[in-house]
Amino acid sequence: MIIRYVANNLPGELPLPSSYVDQRSPEDLAELAAAAHWRDHPEDTPTFVTVVHMRDVDGHDLGLFEVRCEQRPVFTASQLRQA
């Protein structure tokens, strides 16, 4: 399935499997579209807020979304060997 969106007034497309799209909320899809938008425009610095219009998801207009770019720490654990 091809999802068509507009992020910060620039059109974009995001190919995703239909089964994947069916299991995601509109907010999840807007977040994916915002991430795809910034991947497609690496010369630009991501804005704190990206306005995403999910204009065609399986023939439906899902409306406008405000997607915030928030940095969060990522923690990765690995087990230590005991001496």
N, C-alpha and C. Protein backbone atom coordinates (compact mmCIF):
# COMPACT_ATOMS: atom_id res chain seq x y z
N MET A 1 0.85 -1.17 0.00
CA MET A 1 0.00 0.00 0.00
C MET A 1 0.90 1.23 0.00
N ILE A 2 0.53 2.25 -0.75
CA ILE A 2 1.24 3.52 -0.78
C ILE A 2 0.44 4.53 0.04
N ILE A 3 1.05 5.03 1.10
CA ILE A 3 0.44 6.08 1.91
C ILE A 3 0.92 7.41 1.37
N ARG A 4 0.00 8.30 1.09
CA ARG A 4 0.34 9.63 0.59
C ARG A 4 0.08 10.64 1.70
N TYR A 5 1.07 11.48 1.91
CA TYR A 5 0.98 12.46 3.00
C TYR A 5 1.60 13.78 2.55
N VAL A 6 1.36 14.80 3.32
CA VAL A 6 2.02 16.09 3.15
C VAL A 6 2.60 16.45 4.51
N ALA A 7 3.92 16.68 4.56
CA ALA A 7 4.58 17.04 5.81
C ALA A 7 5.22 18.41 5.63
N ASN A 8 4.84 19.34 6.49
CA ASN A 8 5.34 20.71 6.39
C ASN A 8 5.23 21.25 4.97
N ASN A 9 4.08 21.01 4.37
CA ASN A 9 3.73 21.49 3.02
C ASN A 9 4.49 20.80 1.89
N LEU A 10 5.20 19.71 2.15
CA LEU A 10 5.89 18.97 1.10
C LEU A 10 5.26 17.58 0.96
N PRO A 11 4.84 17.19 -0.25
CA PRO A 11 4.20 15.90 -0.44
C PRO A 11 5.21 14.76 -0.33
N GLY A 12 4.71 13.62 0.11
CA GLY A 12 5.54 12.44 0.21
C GLY A 12 4.71 11.18 0.11
N GLU A 13 5.40 10.07 -0.11
CA GLU A 13 4.75 8.76 -0.18
C GLU A 13 5.54 7.79 0.68
N LEU A 14 4.82 6.85 1.27
CA LEU A 14 5.43 5.86 2.14
C LEU A 14 4.84 4.49 1.82
N PRO A 15 5.63 3.61 1.21
CA PRO A 15 5.13 2.26 0.92
C PRO A 15 5.20 1.37 2.17
N LEU A 16 4.08 0.80 2.54
CA LEU A 16 4.00 -0.09 3.70
C LEU A 16 3.10 -1.27 3.36
N PRO A 17 3.37 -2.44 3.93
CA PRO A 17 2.47 -3.58 3.73
C PRO A 17 1.08 -3.29 4.31
N SER A 18 0.05 -3.70 3.61
CA SER A 18 -1.33 -3.48 4.07
C SER A 18 -1.57 -4.07 5.45
N SER A 19 -1.03 -5.25 5.69
CA SER A 19 -1.23 -5.90 6.99
C SER A 19 -0.61 -5.08 8.12
N TYR A 20 0.48 -4.40 7.85
CA TYR A 20 1.13 -3.55 8.84
C TYR A 20 0.27 -2.31 9.12
N VAL A 21 -0.21 -1.69 8.04
CA VAL A 21 -1.04 -0.48 8.17
C VAL A 21 -2.30 -0.77 8.95
N ASP A 22 -2.91 -1.92 8.72
CA ASP A 22 -4.16 -2.29 9.39
C ASP A 22 -4.00 -2.42 10.91
N GLN A 23 -2.77 -2.66 11.37
CA GLN A 23 -2.53 -2.86 12.80
C GLN A 23 -2.05 -1.59 13.51
N ARG A 24 -1.95 -0.47 12.80
CA ARG A 24 -1.43 0.76 13.37
C ARG A 24 -2.52 1.82 13.52
N SER A 25 -2.36 2.67 14.52
CA SER A 25 -3.29 3.77 14.70
C SER A 25 -2.93 4.89 13.72
N PRO A 26 -3.86 5.81 13.47
CA PRO A 26 -3.53 6.96 12.61
C PRO A 26 -2.33 7.76 13.15
N GLU A 27 -2.21 7.86 14.47
CA GLU A 27 -1.08 8.56 15.06
C GLU A 27 0.24 7.84 14.76
N ASP A 28 0.23 6.52 14.84
CA ASP A 28 1.43 5.74 14.51
C ASP A 28 1.85 6.01 13.06
N LEU A 29 0.88 6.03 12.16
CA LEU A 29 1.17 6.25 10.74
C LEU A 29 1.68 7.67 10.50
N ALA A 30 1.15 8.64 11.23
CA ALA A 30 1.63 10.02 11.10
C ALA A 30 3.08 10.12 11.58
N GLU A 31 3.42 9.41 12.65
CA GLU A 31 4.80 9.39 13.13
C GLU A 31 5.73 8.77 12.09
N LEU A 32 5.30 7.69 11.46
CA LEU A 32 6.10 7.06 10.40
C LEU A 32 6.28 8.00 9.21
N ALA A 33 5.22 8.72 8.86
CA ALA A 33 5.29 9.66 7.74
C ALA A 33 6.26 10.80 8.07
N ALA A 34 6.23 11.30 9.30
CA ALA A 34 7.15 12.37 9.68
C ALA A 34 8.60 11.86 9.62
N ALA A 35 8.83 10.67 10.10
CA ALA A 35 10.18 10.09 10.04
C ALA A 35 10.63 9.93 8.59
N ALA A 36 9.73 9.46 7.74
CA ALA A 36 10.06 9.30 6.32
C ALA A 36 10.35 10.65 5.68
N HIS A 37 9.58 11.65 6.04
CA HIS A 37 9.79 13.00 5.51
C HIS A 37 11.21 13.48 5.82
N TRP A 38 11.65 13.33 7.06
CA TRP A 38 12.98 13.82 7.43
C TRP A 38 14.08 12.95 6.85
N ARG A 39 13.83 11.66 6.64
CA ARG A 39 14.80 10.81 5.94
C ARG A 39 14.95 11.25 4.49
N ASP A 40 13.83 11.65 3.87
CA ASP A 40 13.85 12.09 2.48
C ASP A 40 14.47 13.47 2.30
N HIS A 41 14.64 14.22 3.39
CA HIS A 41 15.20 15.57 3.33
C HIS A 41 16.37 15.69 4.33
N PRO A 42 17.44 14.93 4.11
CA PRO A 42 18.54 14.92 5.08
C PRO A 42 19.30 16.24 5.17
N GLU A 43 19.14 17.09 4.16
CA GLU A 43 19.83 18.38 4.19
C GLU A 43 19.16 19.37 5.14
N ASP A 44 17.94 19.07 5.58
CA ASP A 44 17.19 19.94 6.48
C ASP A 44 17.29 19.41 7.91
N THR A 45 17.24 20.31 8.86
CA THR A 45 17.23 19.94 10.28
C THR A 45 15.78 19.74 10.70
N PRO A 46 15.47 18.60 11.31
CA PRO A 46 14.08 18.37 11.74
C PRO A 46 13.59 19.47 12.69
N THR A 47 12.37 19.89 12.46
CA THR A 47 11.75 20.88 13.32
C THR A 47 11.17 20.19 14.56
N PHE A 48 10.95 20.96 15.61
CA PHE A 48 10.37 20.39 16.83
C PHE A 48 8.98 19.83 16.56
N VAL A 49 8.20 20.53 15.70
CA VAL A 49 6.87 20.07 15.33
C VAL A 49 6.81 19.93 13.81
N THR A 50 6.35 18.76 13.35
CA THR A 50 6.11 18.53 11.93
C THR A 50 4.60 18.37 11.77
N VAL A 51 4.01 19.18 10.91
CA VAL A 51 2.58 19.07 10.63
C VAL A 51 2.41 18.10 9.47
N VAL A 52 1.68 17.01 9.73
CA VAL A 52 1.51 15.95 8.74
C VAL A 52 0.03 15.82 8.40
N HIS A 53 -0.27 15.89 7.12
CA HIS A 53 -1.62 15.63 6.63
C HIS A 53 -1.61 14.24 5.99
N MET A 54 -2.28 13.31 6.62
CA MET A 54 -2.37 11.95 6.09
C MET A 54 -3.51 11.93 5.08
N ARG A 55 -3.19 12.31 3.84
CA ARG A 55 -4.23 12.59 2.86
C ARG A 55 -4.78 11.37 2.14
N ASP A 56 -4.03 10.26 2.09
CA ASP A 56 -4.55 9.06 1.41
C ASP A 56 -3.96 7.81 2.05
N VAL A 57 -4.75 7.20 2.92
CA VAL A 57 -4.38 5.93 3.54
C VAL A 57 -5.49 4.95 3.19
N ASP A 58 -5.21 4.10 2.23
CA ASP A 58 -6.20 3.13 1.75
C ASP A 58 -7.49 3.83 1.30
N GLY A 59 -7.31 4.98 0.63
CA GLY A 59 -8.46 5.72 0.11
C GLY A 59 -9.12 6.65 1.10
N HIS A 60 -8.57 6.76 2.31
CA HIS A 60 -9.18 7.62 3.34
C HIS A 60 -8.24 8.77 3.70
N ASP A 61 -8.82 9.95 3.91
CA ASP A 61 -8.09 11.11 4.42
C ASP A 61 -8.21 11.06 5.94
N LEU A 62 -7.07 10.85 6.61
CA LEU A 62 -7.09 10.73 8.07
C LEU A 62 -6.94 12.07 8.78
N GLY A 63 -6.70 13.14 8.02
CA GLY A 63 -6.63 14.47 8.61
C GLY A 63 -5.22 14.92 8.96
N LEU A 64 -5.17 15.99 9.77
CA LEU A 64 -3.91 16.62 10.16
C LEU A 64 -3.43 16.11 11.52
N PHE A 65 -2.11 16.01 11.64
CA PHE A 65 -1.48 15.58 12.88
C PHE A 65 -0.30 16.48 13.19
N GLU A 66 -0.10 16.74 14.45
CA GLU A 66 1.10 17.45 14.92
C GLU A 66 2.02 16.38 15.48
N VAL A 67 3.18 16.23 14.85
CA VAL A 67 4.14 15.21 15.29
C VAL A 67 5.33 15.94 15.91
N ARG A 68 5.57 15.68 17.19
CA ARG A 68 6.65 16.35 17.91
C ARG A 68 7.92 15.49 17.88
N CYS A 69 9.03 16.15 17.71
CA CYS A 69 10.34 15.49 17.74
C CYS A 69 10.90 15.63 19.14
N GLU A 70 10.86 14.56 19.89
CA GLU A 70 11.35 14.59 21.27
C GLU A 70 12.46 13.56 21.42
N GLN A 71 13.57 14.02 21.92
CA GLN A 71 14.70 13.12 22.16
C GLN A 71 14.52 12.47 23.52
N ARG A 72 14.64 11.17 23.53
CA ARG A 72 14.56 10.42 24.78
C ARG A 72 15.77 9.53 24.89
N PRO A 73 16.28 9.32 26.10
CA PRO A 73 17.42 8.41 26.22
C PRO A 73 16.99 6.98 25.89
N VAL A 74 17.90 6.27 25.29
CA VAL A 74 17.66 4.86 24.98
C VAL A 74 18.61 4.05 25.84
N PHE A 75 18.07 3.08 26.54
CA PHE A 75 18.87 2.24 27.43
C PHE A 75 18.99 0.85 26.83
N THR A 76 20.21 0.33 26.85
CA THR A 76 20.46 -1.01 26.34
C THR A 76 21.17 -1.80 27.43
N ALA A 77 20.64 -2.94 27.81
CA ALA A 77 21.23 -3.75 28.87
C ALA A 77 21.94 -4.96 28.28
N SER A 78 23.02 -5.34 28.92
CA SER A 78 23.68 -6.60 28.60
C SER A 78 24.14 -7.21 29.91
N GLN A 79 24.01 -8.49 30.01
CA GLN A 79 24.34 -9.18 31.25
C GLN A 79 25.84 -9.24 31.42
N LEU A 80 26.30 -8.97 32.64
CA LEU A 80 27.74 -9.04 32.94
C LEU A 80 28.08 -10.41 33.49
N ARG A 81 29.28 -10.83 33.16
CA ARG A 81 29.75 -12.10 33.69
C ARG A 81 30.34 -11.86 35.08
N GLN A 82 30.03 -12.73 36.02
CA GLN A 82 30.55 -12.59 37.37
C GLN A 82 31.96 -13.19 37.42
N ALA A 83 32.83 -12.51 38.18
CA ALA A 83 34.23 -12.97 38.29
C ALA A 83 34.33 -14.13 39.24
